[in-house]
Amino acid sequence: MGTTGQGPAGQQEAAEANRSAAQGRSVVRGILAGLRLTVTSGAAGAAVAALVVGVILERVPVFLSGGGVLVLLVLTGFVAGRRSPGPGEPPATRTALARIEDLRATSGETADVPVRFRLTVAPEPEDGRPAYRVKIDQHINLVDLPVYRPRSIAVVEYRPDEPWDVRIVTRPTPEWTRRAEEAEIDSAPESTRVVNPGPSEGSWCVLVLVTFLAGAALVVLLFRADLFTTEDGSGASPRQPSVTSSASSSRTFTTSTTVSGPSSSLLVLGRMRQTATELEAKAGASEVTAIVIQERRMEIRGDSARPPGETLHLQMLPYELFPALVHEARTTLGVRAPESWRIDVTPGAGTAAGPRIRVTVTGEEGTAHLDADATARIVDRRPAGETAKGR
């Protein structure tokens, strides 16, 4: 599986025409929205500047003009917001399989972690579209994070008219789950990557700011003779972008760090994931072969020659659940006064087994440990005094 668009030529041409028309409509809508936003933000900037100029020059007509425009804009926005949208059909979506090329968690302070995916989407043959690449951001629950690994297959939904609008189905049907387990999808070339042709949210913000300032500047220029002010345009030096480059080859590495300061325990919520991110940047690699976590120290070991099934992805571990495992080991394994604790994370046996987590505590009674799976579910306990069992 992984190749699509094998239908008749007429269907492919019709599908391509529909996609082109949809992209054209999306561009037209974006242009109209940009024009409305430009006019509104420019008028708002001019109105605010008129208010300030009217106060400084003590000119009531200028002040009232600016206030009137602001009131009109506020009323227009209020009416537009209260107006209910007309009935419309929900956008049509299709279900397909996708190969996860790469993924990265962007933060981890809540139960749902925002993850950035790079996917190769393989539509069904009847959709009349070949496989293509896309980049998406989606929140994934901590419990589900270990399921998504590079080179694995996921079930997705996408819109044929807007192929960049892709969403991973976290709870697919049994049929699609079976198909995902059996499928093999080749990576699509980077040239097939699709992006939203409309401006991004950052572009809209820049447009609003620029037009707002332009409207304000226009009013100030009109009254510059009366204001007797000159703008000293001291241009700020452009910010130098930081460029970080790294080259990787077949190598082994061991990287560690020690946290310090008040409340520096790695059991503090969010501290483990933050430290793992720092170690990832320090080592220049996200796939490792072992992770060791202690009270104030974290260490990672890696071997770039290892296959994907024998490595761990640093950002895909449920660090937020580890403190609960440490508490469970310190209070239920017969060690009354634990002197130290340690977490060892290693790849599981087999590509589908997921990582294995072992929490070890040591005290006067001896050493005890418990084992957990990739979702932090406890699978084995060894209280103090029992013979340690190998993994």
Protein backbone atom coordinates (compact mmCIF):
# COMPACT_ATOMS: atom_id res chain seq x y z
CA MET A 1 0.00 0.00 0.00
CA GLY A 2 1.11 3.59 -0.24
CA THR A 3 0.45 4.42 -3.88
CA THR A 4 -2.81 5.99 -4.88
CA GLY A 5 -4.29 7.70 -7.86
CA GLN A 6 -4.43 4.57 -10.03
CA GLY A 7 -7.99 5.22 -11.30
CA PRO A 8 -8.95 6.21 -14.82
CA ALA A 9 -7.38 9.27 -16.37
CA GLY A 10 -10.72 11.06 -16.52
CA GLN A 11 -11.20 10.68 -12.78
CA GLN A 12 -7.70 11.99 -12.12
CA GLU A 13 -8.29 15.01 -14.34
CA ALA A 14 -11.62 15.74 -12.66
CA ALA A 15 -10.07 15.40 -9.21
CA GLU A 16 -7.22 17.69 -10.20
CA ALA A 17 -9.67 20.25 -11.58
CA ASN A 18 -11.70 20.14 -8.35
CA ARG A 19 -8.57 20.62 -6.27
CA SER A 20 -7.46 23.56 -8.38
CA ALA A 21 -10.90 25.17 -8.13
CA ALA A 22 -10.95 24.65 -4.35
CA GLN A 23 -7.50 26.20 -3.98
CA GLY A 24 -8.63 29.11 -6.18
CA ARG A 25 -11.67 29.69 -3.98
CA SER A 26 -9.48 29.51 -0.88
CA VAL A 27 -7.14 32.15 -2.32
CA VAL A 28 -10.07 34.44 -3.24
CA ARG A 29 -11.54 34.10 0.24
CA GLY A 30 -8.16 34.91 1.74
CA ILE A 31 -7.78 38.02 -0.44
CA LEU A 32 -11.25 39.30 0.50
CA ALA A 33 -10.61 38.62 4.18
CA GLY A 34 -7.29 40.43 3.92
CA LEU A 35 -8.93 43.46 2.33
CA ARG A 36 -11.61 43.63 5.03
CA LEU A 37 -8.98 43.29 7.74
CA THR A 38 -6.80 45.96 6.12
CA VAL A 39 -9.63 48.48 5.92
CA THR A 40 -10.85 47.78 9.45
CA SER A 41 -7.46 47.91 11.16
CA GLY A 42 -6.40 50.99 9.16
CA ALA A 43 -9.61 52.81 10.12
CA ALA A 44 -9.10 51.82 13.76
CA GLY A 45 -5.55 53.17 13.74
CA ALA A 46 -6.68 56.43 12.15
CA ALA A 47 -9.52 56.79 14.68
CA VAL A 48 -7.24 56.29 17.67
CA ALA A 49 -4.72 58.77 16.26
CA ALA A 50 -7.55 61.28 15.66
CA LEU A 51 -8.60 60.99 19.30
CA VAL A 52 -5.04 61.66 20.50
CA VAL A 53 -4.50 64.53 18.02
CA GLY A 54 -7.85 66.07 18.97
CA VAL A 55 -6.92 66.06 22.64
CA ILE A 56 -3.42 67.49 22.03
CA LEU A 57 -4.60 70.25 19.66
CA GLU A 58 -7.87 70.77 21.57
CA ARG A 59 -9.90 70.39 18.38
CA VAL A 60 -13.33 69.02 19.15
CA PRO A 61 -14.27 68.08 15.54
CA VAL A 62 -11.14 65.92 15.17
CA PHE A 63 -11.79 64.27 18.53
CA LEU A 64 -15.46 63.59 17.70
CA SER A 65 -14.55 62.21 14.27
CA GLY A 66 -12.12 59.71 15.78
CA GLY A 67 -14.57 58.72 18.51
CA GLY A 68 -17.40 58.30 16.01
CA VAL A 69 -15.34 56.01 13.78
CA LEU A 70 -14.33 53.89 16.78
CA VAL A 71 -17.94 53.56 17.95
CA LEU A 72 -19.00 52.59 14.42
CA LEU A 73 -16.29 49.91 14.21
CA VAL A 74 -17.25 48.49 17.62
CA LEU A 75 -20.96 48.36 16.69
CA THR A 76 -20.17 46.73 13.35
CA GLY A 77 -18.04 44.08 15.02
CA PHE A 78 -20.70 43.45 17.66
CA VAL A 79 -23.46 43.00 15.07
CA ALA A 80 -21.28 40.73 12.92
CA GLY A 81 -20.43 38.62 15.94
CA ARG A 82 -24.08 38.23 17.00
CA ARG A 83 -25.25 37.29 13.51
CA SER A 84 -25.65 33.53 13.31
CA PRO A 85 -24.03 31.89 10.30
CA GLY A 86 -26.35 30.37 7.73
CA PRO A 87 -26.84 26.63 7.55
CA GLY A 88 -24.17 24.82 5.59
CA GLU A 89 -22.98 21.32 4.99
CA PRO A 90 -20.01 20.16 7.05
CA PRO A 91 -16.81 19.72 5.06
CA ALA A 92 -16.46 16.27 3.50
CA THR A 93 -13.57 14.24 4.89
CA ARG A 94 -11.96 11.01 3.76
CA THR A 95 -10.22 8.37 5.83
CA ALA A 96 -6.78 7.17 4.77
CA LEU A 97 -3.53 5.76 6.09
CA ALA A 98 -0.40 7.83 6.65
CA ARG A 99 3.23 7.09 7.39
CA ILE A 100 4.71 9.09 10.27
CA GLU A 101 7.98 10.48 8.93
CA ASP A 102 8.89 12.42 12.05
CA LEU A 103 7.25 13.89 15.16
CA ARG A 104 8.20 16.21 17.96
CA ALA A 105 6.38 17.25 21.13
CA THR A 106 6.46 21.04 21.43
CA SER A 107 5.64 21.18 25.17
CA GLY A 108 4.29 18.98 27.93
CA GLU A 109 2.66 20.81 30.82
CA THR A 110 -0.81 19.22 30.43
CA ALA A 111 -2.30 15.79 29.83
CA ASP A 112 -2.69 16.56 26.09
CA VAL A 113 0.72 17.26 24.56
CA PRO A 114 0.93 19.33 21.34
CA VAL A 115 2.89 17.28 18.80
CA ARG A 116 4.18 18.36 15.39
CA PHE A 117 3.91 15.54 12.82
CA ARG A 118 5.43 15.18 9.36
CA LEU A 119 3.32 12.65 7.45
CA THR A 120 3.09 10.89 4.13
CA VAL A 121 -0.66 10.60 3.47
CA ALA A 122 -1.70 7.76 1.15
CA PRO A 123 -5.32 8.33 -0.02
CA GLU A 124 -7.41 5.43 -1.19
CA PRO A 125 -7.18 4.59 -4.94
CA GLU A 126 -10.74 5.73 -5.58
CA ASP A 127 -9.85 9.22 -4.26
CA GLY A 128 -7.80 9.81 -7.39
CA ARG A 129 -4.85 11.43 -5.60
CA PRO A 130 -1.27 10.18 -5.21
CA ALA A 131 0.50 10.05 -1.87
CA TYR A 132 1.71 13.42 -0.58
CA ARG A 133 3.55 14.98 2.33
CA VAL A 134 2.06 17.32 4.92
CA LYS A 135 3.03 18.87 8.26
CA ILE A 136 0.39 19.17 11.02
CA ASP A 137 0.13 20.06 14.72
CA GLN A 138 -2.20 18.01 16.92
CA HIS A 139 -2.69 17.45 20.66
CA ILE A 140 -2.08 13.83 21.70
CA ASN A 141 -2.88 12.43 25.13
CA LEU A 142 0.11 11.35 27.22
CA VAL A 143 -1.16 7.77 27.38
CA ASP A 144 -1.28 7.55 23.57
CA LEU A 145 2.13 9.13 22.90
CA PRO A 146 4.15 5.88 22.77
CA VAL A 147 1.85 4.55 20.02
CA TYR A 148 3.12 7.13 17.51
CA ARG A 149 6.69 6.50 16.39
CA PRO A 150 8.65 7.47 13.29
CA ARG A 151 8.02 5.08 10.37
CA SER A 152 4.82 3.73 11.95
CA ILE A 153 1.41 3.84 10.23
CA ALA A 154 -1.51 5.94 11.53
CA VAL A 155 -5.12 6.40 10.47
CA VAL A 156 -5.93 9.96 9.38
CA GLU A 157 -8.81 12.02 8.06
CA TYR A 158 -8.27 14.66 5.38
CA ARG A 159 -10.34 16.96 3.19
CA PRO A 160 -10.00 16.27 -0.55
CA ASP A 161 -10.66 19.95 -1.35
CA GLU A 162 -8.07 21.09 1.24
CA PRO A 163 -5.51 18.25 1.48
CA TRP A 164 -3.39 20.20 3.99
CA ASP A 165 -6.23 19.85 6.53
CA VAL A 166 -5.23 16.47 8.03
CA ARG A 167 -6.11 15.06 11.46
CA ILE A 168 -4.84 11.85 13.06
CA VAL A 169 -7.68 9.56 14.19
CA THR A 170 -6.70 8.55 17.73
CA ARG A 171 -9.51 5.99 18.05
CA PRO A 172 -9.93 4.36 14.61
CA THR A 173 -12.42 1.59 13.87
CA PRO A 174 -11.25 -2.04 14.18
CA GLU A 175 -11.16 -2.35 10.39
CA TRP A 176 -8.88 0.66 9.96
CA THR A 177 -6.77 -0.44 12.91
CA ARG A 178 -6.19 -3.79 11.20
CA ARG A 179 -5.34 -2.10 7.93
CA ALA A 180 -2.85 0.20 9.66
CA GLU A 181 -1.12 -2.77 11.29
CA GLU A 182 -0.77 -4.59 7.96
CA ALA A 183 0.04 -1.62 5.69
CA GLU A 184 3.43 -0.59 4.35
CA ILE A 185 3.67 2.93 2.96
CA ASP A 186 6.67 4.37 1.16
CA SER A 187 7.75 7.93 1.91
CA ALA A 188 6.49 10.45 -0.62
CA PRO A 189 9.12 12.85 -2.02
CA GLU A 190 9.43 16.23 -0.35
CA SER A 191 8.29 17.86 -3.60
CA THR A 192 4.75 16.51 -2.97
CA ARG A 193 4.37 18.48 0.28
CA VAL A 194 1.15 20.51 0.44
CA VAL A 195 0.64 23.65 2.54
CA ASN A 196 -2.23 25.97 3.24
CA PRO A 197 -2.09 28.67 0.53
CA GLY A 198 -3.73 31.19 2.85
CA PRO A 199 -1.78 33.44 5.20
CA SER A 200 -0.81 32.09 8.61
CA GLU A 201 -2.03 33.53 11.91
CA GLY A 202 1.29 35.32 12.29
CA SER A 203 0.82 36.96 8.88
CA TRP A 204 -2.65 38.18 9.88
CA CYS A 205 -1.22 39.70 13.07
CA VAL A 206 1.52 41.47 11.12
CA LEU A 207 -1.06 42.76 8.62
CA VAL A 208 -3.25 44.15 11.43
CA LEU A 209 -0.30 45.83 13.12
CA VAL A 210 1.07 47.36 9.93
CA THR A 211 -2.27 48.73 8.70
CA PHE A 212 -3.16 50.02 12.19
CA LEU A 213 0.12 51.93 12.38
CA ALA A 214 -0.28 53.13 8.78
CA GLY A 215 -3.72 54.59 9.57
CA ALA A 216 -2.39 56.30 12.67
CA ALA A 217 0.64 57.65 10.81
CA LEU A 218 -1.59 59.09 8.07
CA VAL A 219 -3.57 61.16 10.59
CA VAL A 220 -0.40 62.37 12.30
CA LEU A 221 1.07 63.41 8.94
CA LEU A 222 -2.07 65.40 8.13
CA PHE A 223 -1.65 67.46 11.31
CA ARG A 224 2.15 67.51 11.48
CA ALA A 225 2.31 71.28 10.91
CA ASP A 226 0.14 71.91 13.97
CA LEU A 227 1.70 69.29 16.15
CA PHE A 228 5.27 70.61 15.57
CA THR A 229 6.71 67.19 16.19
CA THR A 230 9.21 65.19 14.25
CA GLU A 231 9.58 61.51 14.42
CA ASP A 232 13.16 60.53 15.10
CA GLY A 233 13.34 57.29 13.23
CA SER A 234 16.07 55.46 15.01
CA GLY A 235 16.07 52.12 13.31
CA ALA A 236 16.72 49.25 15.58
CA SER A 237 19.47 47.00 14.48
CA PRO A 238 18.08 43.89 12.89
CA ARG A 239 18.07 40.90 15.15
CA GLN A 240 20.71 38.45 14.18
CA PRO A 241 19.14 35.06 13.61
CA SER A 242 20.79 32.21 15.40
CA VAL A 243 21.72 29.34 13.16
CA THR A 244 22.41 25.95 14.62
CA SER A 245 23.70 23.20 12.43
CA SER A 246 24.55 19.66 13.33
CA ALA A 247 25.93 16.73 11.42
CA SER A 248 25.22 13.17 12.46
CA SER A 249 27.02 9.96 11.58
CA SER A 250 27.26 6.48 13.00
CA ARG A 251 28.28 7.14 16.60
CA THR A 252 27.62 6.32 20.23
CA PHE A 253 27.16 8.97 22.86
CA THR A 254 26.45 9.47 26.56
CA THR A 255 25.14 12.82 27.75
CA SER A 256 24.02 13.79 31.24
CA THR A 257 23.05 16.84 33.23
CA THR A 258 22.55 17.67 36.90
CA VAL A 259 19.87 20.12 38.05
CA SER A 260 20.59 22.47 40.94
CA GLY A 261 18.98 25.19 42.98
CA PRO A 262 15.89 25.25 45.21
CA SER A 263 13.20 22.68 44.40
CA SER A 264 15.60 21.10 41.92
CA SER A 265 14.26 17.56 42.21
CA LEU A 266 13.38 16.00 38.88
CA LEU A 267 10.09 14.89 40.48
CA VAL A 268 8.78 18.47 40.10
CA LEU A 269 6.05 18.46 37.44
CA GLY A 270 7.45 19.31 34.03
CA ARG A 271 11.12 19.17 35.13
CA MET A 272 11.82 15.75 33.55
CA ARG A 273 10.48 16.71 30.12
CA GLN A 274 12.33 20.04 30.24
CA THR A 275 15.59 18.27 31.14
CA ALA A 276 15.05 15.66 28.40
CA THR A 277 14.59 18.48 25.86
CA GLU A 278 17.84 20.08 27.01
CA LEU A 279 19.71 16.77 26.70
CA GLU A 280 18.23 16.22 23.24
CA ALA A 281 19.58 19.58 22.10
CA LYS A 282 22.94 18.90 23.76
CA ALA A 283 23.35 15.48 22.14
CA GLY A 284 21.89 16.52 18.78
CA ALA A 285 19.74 13.37 18.66
CA SER A 286 16.23 12.38 19.76
CA GLU A 287 16.58 8.58 19.42
CA VAL A 288 18.45 7.00 22.37
CA THR A 289 19.09 3.50 23.66
CA ALA A 290 18.73 4.14 27.41
CA ILE A 291 17.62 6.81 29.85
CA VAL A 292 18.61 6.98 33.54
CA ILE A 293 16.80 9.40 35.87
CA GLN A 294 17.76 10.07 39.50
CA GLU A 295 16.78 12.71 42.06
CA ARG A 296 18.83 15.51 40.44
CA ARG A 297 20.50 13.85 37.46
CA MET A 298 19.40 12.59 34.05
CA GLU A 299 21.56 10.69 31.60
CA ILE A 300 20.91 9.48 28.05
CA ARG A 301 22.88 6.99 25.98
CA GLY A 302 22.56 6.45 22.26
CA ASP A 303 23.88 4.57 19.27
CA SER A 304 22.96 5.92 15.85
CA ALA A 305 23.68 2.51 14.28
CA ARG A 306 20.78 0.90 16.15
CA PRO A 307 17.56 0.20 14.15
CA PRO A 308 14.41 2.18 15.12
CA GLY A 309 12.91 -0.77 17.01
CA GLU A 310 15.85 -0.75 19.44
CA THR A 311 15.73 2.93 20.34
CA LEU A 312 13.57 5.34 22.33
CA HIS A 313 12.26 8.73 21.22
CA LEU A 314 13.08 11.21 23.99
CA GLN A 315 9.92 13.28 23.57
CA MET A 316 7.49 10.36 23.38
CA LEU A 317 7.77 9.16 26.99
CA PRO A 318 5.09 9.94 29.64
CA TYR A 319 7.45 11.84 31.96
CA GLU A 320 4.50 13.43 33.77
CA LEU A 321 3.50 9.95 35.04
CA PHE A 322 6.97 8.98 36.34
CA PRO A 323 6.68 10.79 39.75
CA ALA A 324 3.64 8.64 40.57
CA LEU A 325 5.65 5.49 39.79
CA VAL A 326 8.46 6.66 42.10
CA HIS A 327 5.94 7.34 44.89
CA GLU A 328 4.43 3.88 44.38
CA ALA A 329 7.84 2.21 44.57
CA ARG A 330 8.91 4.14 47.69
CA THR A 331 5.73 3.38 49.64
CA THR A 332 4.60 -0.14 48.63
CA LEU A 333 7.73 -2.28 48.19
CA GLY A 334 8.77 -2.72 51.82
CA VAL A 335 11.49 -0.05 51.95
CA ARG A 336 10.46 2.01 54.96
CA ALA A 337 13.05 4.79 54.60
CA PRO A 338 14.22 4.90 50.97
CA GLU A 339 17.67 6.41 50.61
CA SER A 340 17.66 6.76 46.83
CA TRP A 341 15.59 6.04 43.74
CA ARG A 342 16.37 5.52 40.08
CA ILE A 343 14.40 5.18 36.84
CA ASP A 344 15.82 3.14 33.94
CA VAL A 345 14.05 3.33 30.58
CA THR A 346 15.10 0.93 27.83
CA PRO A 347 13.54 -0.32 24.57
CA GLY A 348 11.22 -3.29 24.94
CA ALA A 349 11.76 -6.65 23.32
CA GLY A 350 10.37 -6.42 19.78
CA THR A 351 9.38 -3.46 17.65
CA ALA A 352 5.80 -3.32 18.99
CA ALA A 353 6.57 -3.89 22.67
CA GLY A 354 7.27 -0.24 23.50
CA PRO A 355 9.76 1.02 26.10
CA ARG A 356 10.19 -0.68 29.48
CA ILE A 357 10.37 1.44 32.63
CA ARG A 358 12.00 0.17 35.85
CA VAL A 359 11.89 2.14 39.11
CA THR A 360 14.44 1.02 41.72
CA VAL A 361 14.49 2.16 45.37
CA THR A 362 17.22 1.41 47.92
CA GLY A 363 17.14 1.50 51.72
CA GLU A 364 18.22 -0.38 54.84
CA GLU A 365 15.91 -3.27 53.91
CA GLY A 366 17.68 -3.72 50.57
CA THR A 367 16.75 -2.95 46.99
CA ALA A 368 13.28 -3.18 45.47
CA HIS A 369 11.90 -2.35 42.06
CA LEU A 370 8.79 -2.24 39.95
CA ASP A 371 8.42 -2.46 36.18
CA ALA A 372 5.95 -0.51 34.03
CA ASP A 373 5.05 -0.43 30.35
CA ALA A 374 5.05 2.48 27.91
CA THR A 375 1.84 3.93 29.42
CA ALA A 376 3.25 3.82 33.00
CA ARG A 377 1.01 0.84 33.86
CA ILE A 378 2.72 -1.35 36.48
CA VAL A 379 3.38 -4.89 35.19
CA ASP A 380 5.71 -6.33 37.85
CA ARG A 381 6.75 -5.69 41.48
CA ARG A 382 9.79 -6.97 43.37
CA PRO A 383 9.65 -5.94 47.05
CA ALA A 384 12.80 -5.67 49.17
CA GLY A 385 14.31 -9.04 50.01
CA GLU A 386 13.14 -10.89 46.91
CA THR A 387 15.56 -12.03 44.27
CA ALA A 388 15.82 -9.48 41.49
CA LYS A 389 14.38 -10.65 38.25
CA GLY A 390 16.13 -9.70 35.01
CA ARG A 391 14.25 -7.90 32.34
